[in-house]
Each structure stands twice: as C-alpha cells, then as structure tokens.
Amino acid sequence: MLTLNELKKDPEVTAYIAQADRYLEVIGYTEHGSRHARLIAKNARNILIELGFNERMCEMAAIAGYLHDIGNVVSRERHEQISALIAKDILHRLQMSPEDIAEIISALGNHHEENGSPVSEISAALILADKSDVHQSRVRNPEFIKFDIHDRVNFAVKKSGLTINRHEKKITFDLTIDTTIAPVMDYFEIFLSRMIISRRAADFLKCKFELVINNTRLI
C-alpha cells in the first residue's frame, strides 16, 4: 500500500502544494503549505491511532491529510472538490487501489466547513485535524492583524492542541488566546462553522467534542 512517506517524495505533489501556498499568499490567506500539510497528516493519523483504528485506516487518514488542500493550486473556491480530483489522478498514478482512492477523495471533498460533512472515519479525522490548526505561526505578516480578523485571531492563539481520550470517548480542542490581541468572541465570529463541523466529526467517531479556551470549557 502507498505510504505517506512515499507520497511526500512525489515531485508533482510537492510542486502543487508549494504553488498552492504561494497562490494563497498572494490573495492574503494564512499559511497552507507543507507545514500545514504535514501537521494535518500527522494529526489525522494520530486521531485514528488513539481511537484504536487499524494501521491501514490510519495511513489513509495521513495521506488524506497531506493532500486535503492541494486543490488550492487551481482556486480557493471549491478547493476541496478540486483537491479530490487532483488527488484521484495522483493516487491512481501511484497505483493505489480504487477502493482506497475512493475513501480518500470522499474525505477530501467533504473536509470544508461550508459544504462538507463527515462521511467516514477518515473524513472525520481529517476534519478534526484541519480545523484545529489555528496558531500565530500561520500569520504571514503581523501588520495585517490590524485589518484582517482571520489573521488577528490566528495571531492571538499562543497555543493550540487536540487531545483524544479513548476511554472517555472525548476529543478536546484546547486553545490559549491572548485576549489583548483578539477577544474570544472574534474566534467564534469566524470559526463557529468550523467548530460545528468538528463536533459532527467527533459524533461520527462516537466521541464527544469539547472546546476549551483559556482553561474555560465553552462547548
């Protein structure tokens, strides 16, 4: 079976992720490059590992995490569906089975909060991993925080982490926010839809979703 390490070495994948991040930088988005891809791959895999899923499922979640934003190379609009189509061709070329390709592209096509849904365990893990990557390191130019609420909220996040409690069937997203930069309400203003799809993803995995900000449980 194709592994994440093999996928990372593919020049087409590397080129598309790099160009997608350059495009998003031009239009003013936070970082979506190889750092984001590697982190989401790692966290999607870890979510399923912690919940006791088999090795094949965990590796597929990692592959989905690595490829989930590759469609930004074409356009931010409907990037999740474009990601699925690009990934289909890449994974076919790399001789992944049609059944595994189907699992991964379904996850990619459903990871965006605006029109996606958790449709599988891989999809649910991808959603939770992706929506929890909020941190000041993603802000490209701190000067923009005066004008852009997305940059301001990301820059205000000093620490973020996703904790899986297999025995209690609980998934906790824990944030530390500098409220002198952005109040907690700003976070909810722009990220409420992300928390809703995260809760649905946790439900799919038969877990309870919790959001903790500055040591206070809010969901």
Protein backbone atom coordinates (compact mmCIF):
# COMPACT_ATOMS: atom_id res chain seq x y z
CA MET A 1 0.00 0.00 0.00
CA LEU A 2 1.12 3.55 -0.73
CA THR A 3 2.52 5.30 2.35
CA LEU A 4 2.67 8.93 3.37
CA ASN A 5 6.47 8.89 3.22
CA GLU A 6 6.33 7.76 -0.40
CA LEU A 7 3.75 10.43 -1.22
CA LYS A 8 5.91 13.17 0.29
CA LYS A 9 8.70 12.32 -2.18
CA ASP A 10 6.49 12.71 -5.24
CA PRO A 11 7.61 15.80 -7.22
CA GLU A 12 4.11 16.54 -8.55
CA VAL A 13 2.63 16.61 -5.04
CA THR A 14 5.49 18.78 -3.76
CA ALA A 15 5.13 21.25 -6.63
CA TYR A 16 1.35 21.57 -6.29
CA ILE A 17 1.41 22.13 -2.53
CA ALA A 18 4.15 24.76 -2.85
CA GLN A 19 2.36 26.60 -5.66
CA ALA A 20 -0.98 26.42 -3.83
CA ASP A 21 0.59 28.12 -0.82
CA ARG A 22 2.13 30.84 -2.99
CA TYR A 23 -1.26 31.50 -4.59
CA LEU A 24 -2.96 31.78 -1.21
CA GLU A 25 -0.25 34.16 -0.01
CA VAL A 26 -0.95 36.43 -2.96
CA ILE A 27 -4.67 36.63 -2.13
CA GLY A 28 -3.99 37.16 1.57
CA TYR A 29 -4.63 33.79 3.21
CA THR A 30 -2.77 32.28 6.12
CA GLU A 31 -0.12 29.61 5.55
CA HIS A 32 -1.36 26.47 3.78
CA GLY A 33 1.95 24.97 2.67
CA SER A 34 4.00 21.92 3.53
CA ARG A 35 3.96 22.71 7.27
CA HIS A 36 0.16 22.66 7.30
CA ALA A 37 0.03 19.52 5.12
CA ARG A 38 2.49 17.63 7.33
CA LEU A 39 0.74 18.66 10.54
CA ILE A 40 -2.73 17.69 9.34
CA ALA A 41 -1.39 14.36 8.07
CA LYS A 42 0.23 13.67 11.44
CA ASN A 43 -2.81 14.70 13.48
CA ALA A 44 -5.36 12.89 11.30
CA ARG A 45 -3.34 9.70 11.67
CA ASN A 46 -2.93 10.18 15.44
CA ILE A 47 -6.65 10.70 15.97
CA LEU A 48 -7.42 7.28 14.50
CA ILE A 49 -4.46 5.65 16.23
CA GLU A 50 -5.67 6.95 19.60
CA LEU A 51 -9.18 5.66 18.89
CA GLY A 52 -7.88 2.18 18.05
CA PHE A 53 -8.31 2.01 14.28
CA ASN A 54 -6.18 -0.31 12.17
CA GLU A 55 -2.88 0.66 10.56
CA ARG A 56 -4.29 0.86 7.03
CA MET A 57 -7.04 3.27 8.06
CA CYS A 58 -4.57 5.45 9.96
CA GLU A 59 -2.19 5.64 6.99
CA MET A 60 -5.03 6.59 4.66
CA ALA A 61 -6.05 9.36 7.05
CA ALA A 62 -2.49 10.65 6.93
CA ILE A 63 -2.48 10.61 3.12
CA ALA A 64 -5.81 12.45 3.05
CA GLY A 65 -4.43 15.00 5.49
CA TYR A 66 -1.39 15.63 3.34
CA LEU A 67 -3.41 16.14 0.14
CA HIS A 68 -6.50 17.88 1.51
CA ASP A 69 -5.62 21.42 0.34
CA ILE A 70 -3.77 20.57 -2.88
CA GLY A 71 -6.70 21.94 -4.91
CA ASN A 72 -5.77 25.47 -3.85
CA VAL A 73 -3.26 25.32 -6.70
CA VAL A 74 -6.24 25.91 -9.01
CA SER A 75 -8.57 28.05 -6.90
CA ARG A 76 -9.59 28.67 -3.32
CA GLU A 77 -13.21 28.48 -4.42
CA ARG A 78 -14.34 24.83 -4.22
CA HIS A 79 -10.76 23.85 -3.42
CA GLU A 80 -11.96 20.78 -1.54
CA GLN A 81 -13.57 19.30 -4.65
CA ILE A 82 -10.61 20.26 -6.83
CA SER A 83 -8.32 18.61 -4.26
CA ALA A 84 -10.29 15.38 -4.62
CA LEU A 85 -9.98 15.38 -8.42
CA ILE A 86 -6.26 16.16 -8.41
CA ALA A 87 -5.63 13.54 -5.73
CA LYS A 88 -7.54 10.92 -7.73
CA ASP A 89 -5.13 11.22 -10.64
CA ILE A 90 -2.04 11.30 -8.43
CA LEU A 91 -3.08 8.29 -6.36
CA HIS A 92 -4.04 6.33 -9.48
CA ARG A 93 -0.60 7.03 -10.96
CA LEU A 94 0.99 5.84 -7.72
CA GLN A 95 -1.00 2.59 -8.04
CA MET A 96 -3.28 2.94 -5.05
CA SER A 97 -6.31 0.65 -5.23
CA PRO A 98 -9.60 2.13 -6.49
CA GLU A 99 -11.24 1.32 -3.16
CA ASP A 100 -8.63 3.28 -1.19
CA ILE A 101 -8.72 6.16 -3.68
CA ALA A 102 -12.48 6.35 -3.26
CA GLU A 103 -12.11 6.60 0.53
CA ILE A 104 -9.54 9.39 0.32
CA ILE A 105 -11.20 11.56 -2.31
CA SER A 106 -14.51 11.35 -0.43
CA ALA A 107 -12.71 12.68 2.64
CA LEU A 108 -11.05 15.47 0.66
CA GLY A 109 -14.27 16.55 -0.99
CA ASN A 110 -16.03 16.82 2.37
CA HIS A 111 -13.43 18.49 4.61
CA HIS A 112 -14.51 22.12 4.13
CA GLU A 113 -16.91 23.51 6.71
CA GLU A 114 -19.04 25.45 4.24
CA ASN A 115 -20.44 22.43 2.42
CA GLY A 116 -18.76 19.31 3.82
CA SER A 117 -19.83 16.52 6.12
CA PRO A 118 -18.03 13.71 7.92
CA VAL A 119 -18.78 10.75 5.64
CA SER A 120 -16.28 8.24 7.01
CA GLU A 121 -13.79 7.74 9.83
CA ILE A 122 -11.02 9.09 7.58
CA SER A 123 -13.14 12.11 6.72
CA ALA A 124 -13.92 12.79 10.39
CA ALA A 125 -10.26 12.57 11.39
CA LEU A 126 -9.29 14.92 8.56
CA ILE A 127 -11.90 17.49 9.58
CA LEU A 128 -10.81 17.49 13.22
CA ALA A 129 -7.13 17.73 12.33
CA ASP A 130 -7.66 20.54 9.82
CA LYS A 131 -9.95 22.72 11.90
CA SER A 132 -7.65 22.55 14.91
CA ASP A 133 -4.67 24.13 13.11
CA VAL A 134 -5.10 27.64 14.47
CA HIS A 135 -1.90 29.37 15.59
CA GLN A 136 0.05 32.60 15.28
CA SER A 137 2.73 30.83 13.21
CA ARG A 138 0.29 30.71 10.29
CA VAL A 139 0.15 34.51 10.02
CA ARG A 140 2.46 35.70 7.25
CA ASN A 141 2.54 39.41 8.10
CA PRO A 142 1.66 40.51 11.67
CA GLU A 143 0.94 44.01 10.36
CA PHE A 144 -2.23 42.65 8.74
CA ILE A 145 -3.79 41.77 12.10
CA LYS A 146 -5.00 45.37 12.33
CA PHE A 147 -7.17 44.87 9.26
CA ASP A 148 -7.98 41.16 8.90
CA ILE A 149 -9.92 39.28 11.58
CA HIS A 150 -8.64 35.86 10.41
CA ASP A 151 -5.02 36.97 10.81
CA ARG A 152 -5.84 38.66 14.11
CA VAL A 153 -7.44 35.56 15.60
CA ASN A 154 -4.69 33.24 14.39
CA PHE A 155 -2.04 35.63 15.71
CA ALA A 156 -3.76 35.76 19.09
CA VAL A 157 -3.54 31.98 19.52
CA LYS A 158 -0.41 31.27 21.52
CA LYS A 159 -1.02 27.56 21.96
CA SER A 160 -3.39 25.01 20.45
CA GLY A 161 -3.75 21.28 20.82
CA LEU A 162 -6.10 18.40 20.14
CA THR A 163 -6.39 15.73 22.84
CA ILE A 164 -8.02 12.34 22.32
CA ASN A 165 -9.33 10.43 25.34
CA ARG A 166 -10.13 6.96 24.05
CA HIS A 167 -11.57 5.65 27.31
CA GLU A 168 -13.91 8.60 27.88
CA LYS A 169 -14.60 8.90 24.10
CA LYS A 170 -13.78 12.58 24.24
CA ILE A 171 -11.96 14.86 21.79
CA THR A 172 -10.82 18.19 23.25
CA PHE A 173 -9.58 21.21 21.29
CA ASP A 174 -7.61 23.35 23.75
CA LEU A 175 -6.61 26.94 22.90
CA THR A 176 -4.69 29.65 24.70
CA ILE A 177 -5.67 33.04 23.29
CA ASP A 178 -4.10 36.42 24.02
CA THR A 179 -7.28 38.45 24.50
CA THR A 180 -5.34 41.72 24.23
CA ILE A 181 -4.90 40.86 20.54
CA ALA A 182 -8.32 39.34 19.83
CA PRO A 183 -11.25 38.71 22.18
CA VAL A 184 -12.70 35.21 22.37
CA MET A 185 -15.82 36.48 20.59
CA ASP A 186 -13.72 37.17 17.49
CA TYR A 187 -12.79 33.49 17.44
CA PHE A 188 -16.43 32.46 17.45
CA GLU A 189 -17.33 35.06 14.84
CA ILE A 190 -15.13 33.46 12.20
CA PHE A 191 -14.69 29.89 13.40
CA LEU A 192 -18.14 28.86 14.63
CA SER A 193 -18.83 26.87 11.45
CA ARG A 194 -15.51 25.06 11.93
CA MET A 195 -16.45 24.08 15.47
CA ILE A 196 -19.86 22.83 14.30
CA ILE A 197 -18.35 20.51 11.68
CA SER A 198 -15.73 19.43 14.23
CA ARG A 199 -18.47 18.44 16.64
CA ARG A 200 -20.19 16.49 13.87
CA ALA A 201 -16.91 14.76 13.07
CA ALA A 202 -16.44 13.79 16.70
CA ASP A 203 -20.01 12.49 16.76
CA PHE A 204 -19.23 10.33 13.71
CA LEU A 205 -16.33 8.83 15.65
CA LYS A 206 -18.72 8.25 18.56
CA CYS A 207 -16.91 10.81 20.68
CA LYS A 208 -17.88 13.99 22.49
CA PHE A 209 -16.29 17.22 21.23
CA GLU A 210 -15.10 19.85 23.69
CA LEU A 211 -13.68 23.33 23.06
CA VAL A 212 -11.57 24.82 25.84
CA ILE A 213 -10.28 28.38 25.57
CA ASN A 214 -8.01 29.81 28.28
CA ASN A 215 -8.88 26.91 30.60
CA THR A 216 -12.61 27.50 30.25
CA ARG A 217 -14.80 24.91 28.55
CA LEU A 218 -17.09 26.64 26.04
CA ILE A 219 -18.52 23.63 24.17
